[in-house]
C-alpha atoms as a PDB file:
ATOM      1  CA  MET A   1      -3.387  15.430  -9.504  1.00  0.00           C
ATOM      2  CA  THR A   2      -2.085  15.392 -13.321  1.00  0.00           C
ATOM      3  CA  ASP A   3      -0.842  12.421 -14.865  1.00  0.00           C
ATOM      4  CA  THR A   4       2.567  14.068 -14.458  1.00  0.00           C
ATOM      5  CA  GLN A   5       2.030  13.423 -11.200  1.00  0.00           C
ATOM      6  CA  SER A   6      -0.019   9.980 -11.315  1.00  0.00           C
ATOM      7  CA  LYS A   7       2.744   8.659 -13.902  1.00  0.00           C
ATOM      8  CA  ILE A   8       5.732   9.678 -10.875  1.00  0.00           C
ATOM      9  CA  ALA A   9       3.807   8.557  -8.484  1.00  0.00           C
ATOM     10  CA  ALA A  10       3.495   4.879  -9.927  1.00  0.00           C
ATOM     11  CA  GLY A  11       7.209   4.830 -10.968  1.00  0.00           C
ATOM     12  CA  LEU A  12       7.850   5.617  -7.349  1.00  0.00           C
ATOM     13  CA  GLU A  13       5.770   3.190  -6.182  1.00  0.00           C
ATOM     14  CA  ARG A  14       7.362  -0.015  -8.065  1.00  0.00           C
ATOM     15  CA  ALA A  15      10.996   1.366  -7.006  1.00  0.00           C
ATOM     16  CA  PHE A  16      10.975   1.439  -3.353  1.00  0.00           C
ATOM     17  CA  ALA A  17       8.480  -1.945  -3.609  1.00  0.00           C
ATOM     18  CA  ALA A  18      10.956  -3.668  -5.847  1.00  0.00           C
ATOM     19  CA  ARG A  19      13.748  -1.922  -3.936  1.00  0.00           C
ATOM     20  CA  GLY A  20      13.187  -0.750  -0.405  1.00  0.00           C
ATOM     21  CA  PHE A  21      13.182   2.715   0.751  1.00  0.00           C
ATOM     22  CA  ALA A  22      17.542   3.499   1.290  1.00  0.00           C
ATOM     23  CA  GLU A  23      18.361   1.710  -1.611  1.00  0.00           C
ATOM     24  CA  PRO A  24      17.033   3.522  -4.753  1.00  0.00           C
ATOM     25  CA  SER A  25      19.155   7.060  -5.382  1.00  0.00           C
ATOM     26  CA  VAL A  26      17.327   9.973  -7.172  1.00  0.00           C
ATOM     27  CA  GLU A  27      19.103   8.435  -9.387  1.00  0.00           C
ATOM     28  CA  ASP A  28      17.184   5.423  -9.861  1.00  0.00           C
ATOM     29  CA  LEU A  29      14.086   7.345  -9.268  1.00  0.00           C
ATOM     30  CA  ARG A  30      13.857   9.965 -11.439  1.00  0.00           C
ATOM     31  CA  ASP A  31      14.223   6.664 -14.151  1.00  0.00           C
ATOM     32  CA  ALA A  32      11.520   4.202 -12.184  1.00  0.00           C
ATOM     33  CA  ALA A  33       9.146   7.678 -12.462  1.00  0.00           C
ATOM     34  CA  GLY A  34      10.561   8.207 -16.210  1.00  0.00           C
ATOM     35  CA  VAL A  35      10.613  11.706 -15.894  1.00  0.00           C
ATOM     36  CA  SER A  36      12.914  14.277 -15.870  1.00  0.00           C
ATOM     37  CA  LEU A  37      15.163  14.892 -12.299  1.00  0.00           C
ATOM     38  CA  ARG A  38      13.910  18.918 -12.532  1.00  0.00           C
ATOM     39  CA  THR A  39      10.230  17.938 -13.310  1.00  0.00           C
ATOM     40  CA  LEU A  40      10.962  14.218 -10.788  1.00  0.00           C
ATOM     41  CA  TYR A  41      11.979  17.427  -8.345  1.00  0.00           C
ATOM     42  CA  LYS A  42       8.833  19.769  -9.097  1.00  0.00           C
ATOM     43  CA  TYR A  43       6.268  17.179  -7.789  1.00  0.00           C
ATOM     44  CA  THR A  44       8.152  15.557  -5.188  1.00  0.00           C
ATOM     45  CA  PRO A  45      10.651  18.249  -3.790  1.00  0.00           C
ATOM     46  CA  SER A  46      12.284  15.284  -1.352  1.00  0.00           C
ATOM     47  CA  ARG A  47      12.852  11.766  -0.673  1.00  0.00           C
ATOM     48  CA  ALA A  48      10.799  11.720   2.393  1.00  0.00           C
ATOM     49  CA  GLU A  49       7.948  13.826  -0.762  1.00  0.00           C
ATOM     50  CA  MET A  50       8.995  10.203  -3.396  1.00  0.00           C
ATOM     51  CA  VAL A  51       7.782   8.081  -0.676  1.00  0.00           C
ATOM     52  CA  LEU A  52       4.437  10.150  -0.040  1.00  0.00           C
ATOM     53  CA  ALA A  53       3.597   9.719  -3.024  1.00  0.00           C
ATOM     54  CA  ALA A  54       4.542   5.858  -3.367  1.00  0.00           C
ATOM     55  CA  LEU A  55       2.157   5.281  -0.639  1.00  0.00           C
ATOM     56  CA  GLU A  56      -0.234   7.329  -1.329  1.00  0.00           C
ATOM     57  CA  ASN A  57      -0.445   5.550  -5.226  1.00  0.00           C
ATOM     58  CA  ARG A  58      -0.216   2.496  -3.124  1.00  0.00           C
ATOM     59  CA  GLN A  59      -2.808   2.979  -1.096  1.00  0.00           C
ATOM     60  CA  GLN A  60      -5.482   3.719  -3.976  1.00  0.00           C
ATOM     61  CA  ARG A  61      -4.603   0.976  -5.548  1.00  0.00           C
ATOM     62  CA  TYR A  62      -4.672  -2.094  -2.726  1.00  0.00           C
ATOM     63  CA  LEU A  63      -8.335  -0.194  -1.541  1.00  0.00           C
ATOM     64  CA  ALA A  64      -9.352  -0.915  -5.448  1.00  0.00           C
ATOM     65  CA  LEU A  65      -8.135  -3.958  -5.641  1.00  0.00           C
ATOM     66  CA  VAL A  66      -9.446  -5.604  -2.455  1.00  0.00           C
ATOM     67  CA  PHE A  67     -12.683  -3.512  -2.235  1.00  0.00           C
ATOM     68  CA  ASP A  68     -13.945  -1.911  -5.234  1.00  0.00           C
ATOM     69  CA  ASP A  69     -16.342  -4.394  -6.571  1.00  0.00           C
ATOM     70  CA  LEU A  70     -17.622  -6.698  -3.933  1.00  0.00           C
ATOM     71  CA  PRO A  71     -20.025  -8.928  -3.295  1.00  0.00           C
ATOM     72  CA  GLN A  72     -23.282  -8.280  -1.482  1.00  0.00           C
ATOM     73  CA  ALA A  73     -23.577 -10.679   0.431  1.00  0.00           C
ATOM     74  CA  PRO A  74     -21.450 -10.551   3.746  1.00  0.00           C
ATOM     75  CA  ALA A  75     -19.970 -13.426   3.839  1.00  0.00           C
ATOM     76  CA  ASP A  76     -19.035 -13.587   0.300  1.00  0.00           C
ATOM     77  CA  ALA A  77     -17.754 -10.032   0.871  1.00  0.00           C
ATOM     78  CA  LEU A  78     -15.196 -11.343   3.815  1.00  0.00           C
ATOM     79  CA  GLU A  79     -14.085 -14.746   2.196  1.00  0.00           C
ATOM     80  CA  ALA A  80     -13.353 -12.201  -1.748  1.00  0.00           C
ATOM     81  CA  ILE A  81     -11.158  -9.527   0.853  1.00  0.00           C
ATOM     82  CA  LEU A  82      -9.523 -12.439   2.033  1.00  0.00           C
ATOM     83  CA  ALA A  83      -8.581 -13.936  -1.354  1.00  0.00           C
ATOM     84  CA  ARG A  84      -7.759 -10.436  -2.337  1.00  0.00           C
ATOM     85  CA  VAL A  85      -6.042  -9.954  -0.002  1.00  0.00           C
ATOM     86  CA  GLY A  86      -3.677 -13.135  -1.256  1.00  0.00           C
ATOM     87  CA  GLN A  87      -3.934 -11.701  -4.778  1.00  0.00           C
ATOM     88  CA  TRP A  88      -2.365  -8.906  -3.759  1.00  0.00           C
ATOM     89  CA  MET A  89       0.194 -10.759  -2.007  1.00  0.00           C
ATOM     90  CA  GLU A  90       1.237 -12.826  -4.502  1.00  0.00           C
ATOM     91  CA  THR A  91       1.606 -10.280  -7.593  1.00  0.00           C
ATOM     92  CA  GLU A  92       1.864  -6.988  -5.687  1.00  0.00           C
ATOM     93  CA  THR A  93       4.579  -7.634  -2.611  1.00  0.00           C
ATOM     94  CA  SER A  94       5.361 -11.235  -1.544  1.00  0.00           C
ATOM     95  CA  HIS A  95       7.593  -9.740   1.310  1.00  0.00           C
ATOM     96  CA  GLY A  96       4.882  -7.436   3.466  1.00  0.00           C
ATOM     97  CA  CYS A  97       3.376  -4.739   4.321  1.00  0.00           C
ATOM     98  CA  LEU A  98       5.116  -1.566   2.355  1.00  0.00           C
ATOM     99  CA  PHE A  99       3.486   0.825   4.626  1.00  0.00           C
ATOM    100  CA  HIS A 100       4.663  -0.778   8.091  1.00  0.00           C
ATOM    101  CA  ALA A 101       8.483  -0.945   6.052  1.00  0.00           C
ATOM    102  CA  ALA A 102       7.999   2.928   5.287  1.00  0.00           C
ATOM    103  CA  VAL A 103       7.764   3.289   8.420  1.00  0.00           C
ATOM    104  CA  ALA A 104      10.357   0.906   9.717  1.00  0.00           C
ATOM    105  CA  ALA A 105      12.686   2.287   7.686  1.00  0.00           C
ATOM    106  CA  ASP A 106      12.260   6.416   8.851  1.00  0.00           C
ATOM    107  CA  PRO A 107      10.418   5.623  12.428  1.00  0.00           C
ATOM    108  CA  GLY A 108      10.516   9.191  13.408  1.00  0.00           C
ATOM    109  CA  SER A 109       8.443  10.336  10.207  1.00  0.00           C
ATOM    110  CA  ASP A 110       5.244  11.439  11.700  1.00  0.00           C
ATOM    111  CA  SER A 111       3.879  12.025   7.735  1.00  0.00           C
ATOM    112  CA  LEU A 112       4.328   8.087   7.307  1.00  0.00           C
ATOM    113  CA  ARG A 113       2.961   7.253  11.039  1.00  0.00           C
ATOM    114  CA  ALA A 114       0.378   9.637   9.442  1.00  0.00           C
ATOM    115  CA  LEU A 115      -0.119   7.777   6.930  1.00  0.00           C
ATOM    116  CA  LEU A 116      -0.112   4.410   7.764  1.00  0.00           C
ATOM    117  CA  THR A 117      -2.302   5.410  10.589  1.00  0.00           C
ATOM    118  CA  ARG A 118      -4.914   6.215   7.747  1.00  0.00           C
ATOM    119  CA  HIS A 119      -4.452   3.453   5.415  1.00  0.00           C
ATOM    120  CA  LYS A 120      -5.291   0.681   8.032  1.00  0.00           C
ATOM    121  CA  ALA A 121      -7.654   2.659   9.304  1.00  0.00           C
ATOM    122  CA  GLU A 122      -9.192   3.055   5.843  1.00  0.00           C
ATOM    123  CA  VAL A 123      -8.647  -0.595   4.721  1.00  0.00           C
ATOM    124  CA  ALA A 124     -10.476  -2.224   8.744  1.00  0.00           C
ATOM    125  CA  ALA A 125     -13.374   0.451   8.190  1.00  0.00           C
ATOM    126  CA  LYS A 126     -13.853  -0.263   4.589  1.00  0.00           C
ATOM    127  CA  ALA A 127     -13.797  -4.085   5.518  1.00  0.00           C
ATOM    128  CA  ALA A 128     -16.594  -3.987   8.291  1.00  0.00           C
ATOM    129  CA  ALA A 129     -18.751  -2.423   5.837  1.00  0.00           C
ATOM    130  CA  ALA A 130     -18.038  -4.711   3.225  1.00  0.00           C
ATOM    131  CA  THR A 131     -18.918  -7.480   5.362  1.00  0.00           C
ATOM    132  CA  ASN A 132     -21.990  -5.866   7.664  1.00  0.00           C
ATOM    133  CA  LEU A 133     -19.250  -6.210  10.954  1.00  0.00           C
ATOM    134  CA  ALA A 134     -19.736  -3.107  12.665  1.00  0.00           C
ATOM    135  CA  GLY A 135     -17.625  -2.773  15.265  1.00  0.00           C
ATOM    136  CA  ALA A 136     -15.660  -5.903  14.915  1.00  0.00           C
ATOM    137  CA  GLU A 137     -12.770  -3.181  12.604  1.00  0.00           C
ATOM    138  CA  THR A 138     -10.133  -4.455  14.938  1.00  0.00           C
ATOM    139  CA  ALA A 139     -10.606  -8.055  14.415  1.00  0.00           C
ATOM    140  CA  LEU A 140     -11.307  -7.628  10.761  1.00  0.00           C
ATOM    141  CA  LEU A 141      -7.730  -5.346  10.708  1.00  0.00           C
ATOM    142  CA  LEU A 142      -6.020  -8.258  12.030  1.00  0.00           C
ATOM    143  CA  ILE A 143      -7.316 -11.221   9.958  1.00  0.00           C
ATOM    144  CA  ILE A 144      -6.013  -8.989   6.862  1.00  0.00           C
ATOM    145  CA  GLU A 145      -2.942  -7.508   8.970  1.00  0.00           C
ATOM    146  CA  GLY A 146      -1.511 -11.557   9.827  1.00  0.00           C
ATOM    147  CA  LEU A 147      -2.296 -12.774   6.437  1.00  0.00           C
ATOM    148  CA  THR A 148       0.086  -9.417   5.423  1.00  0.00           C
ATOM    149  CA  GLN A 149       2.730  -9.931   8.371  1.00  0.00           C
ATOM    150  CA  THR A 150       2.655 -14.111   7.853  1.00  0.00           C
ATOM    151  CA  TRP A 151       3.246 -14.033   3.708  1.00  0.00           C
ATOM    152  CA  PRO A 152       6.928 -13.420   3.487  1.00  0.00           C
ATOM    153  CA  LEU A 153       6.978 -17.331   5.611  1.00  0.00           C
ATOM    154  CA  ARG A 154       3.731 -19.319   4.679  1.00  0.00           C
ATOM    155  CA  GLY A 155       3.136 -17.973   0.409  1.00  0.00           C
ATOM    156  CA  ARG A 156      -0.109 -19.037   0.255  1.00  0.00           C
ATOM    157  CA  ARG A 157       0.065 -22.194   2.029  1.00  0.00           C
ATOM    158  CA  PRO A 158      -2.563 -23.071   4.453  1.00  0.00           C
END
């Protein structure tokens, strides 16, 4: 990915996270990406491609924050993962999962559903590997998703 593509994807991610998928106009998205309309369309030729680019950027950032440099001890790794998901929710998206929101905004999109599925599978696999809980991917994903989906209602409260 080029620097321009990264810049566009990061700007689009910020715009969609802040304003949802329906509200921002193409001009708003261009401004958020910090490029000309021509450049925006060169790298993301449709709104659907803009959403996918934003979510791919989000995927990379989320996985890096939650799973990079985890403690080696499985129990410590699990504690760190949950704390980092809480940190992500507190600082990045207190209103829920952007991947789920994208699918809700365009439920007929096979590419969005595939990206959501891939994202959640990767989260589950990384959590299981880090915690030495192979075979518990679904249970770990349920815990992480529970934290993500209840955050808008409960925040950091116990």
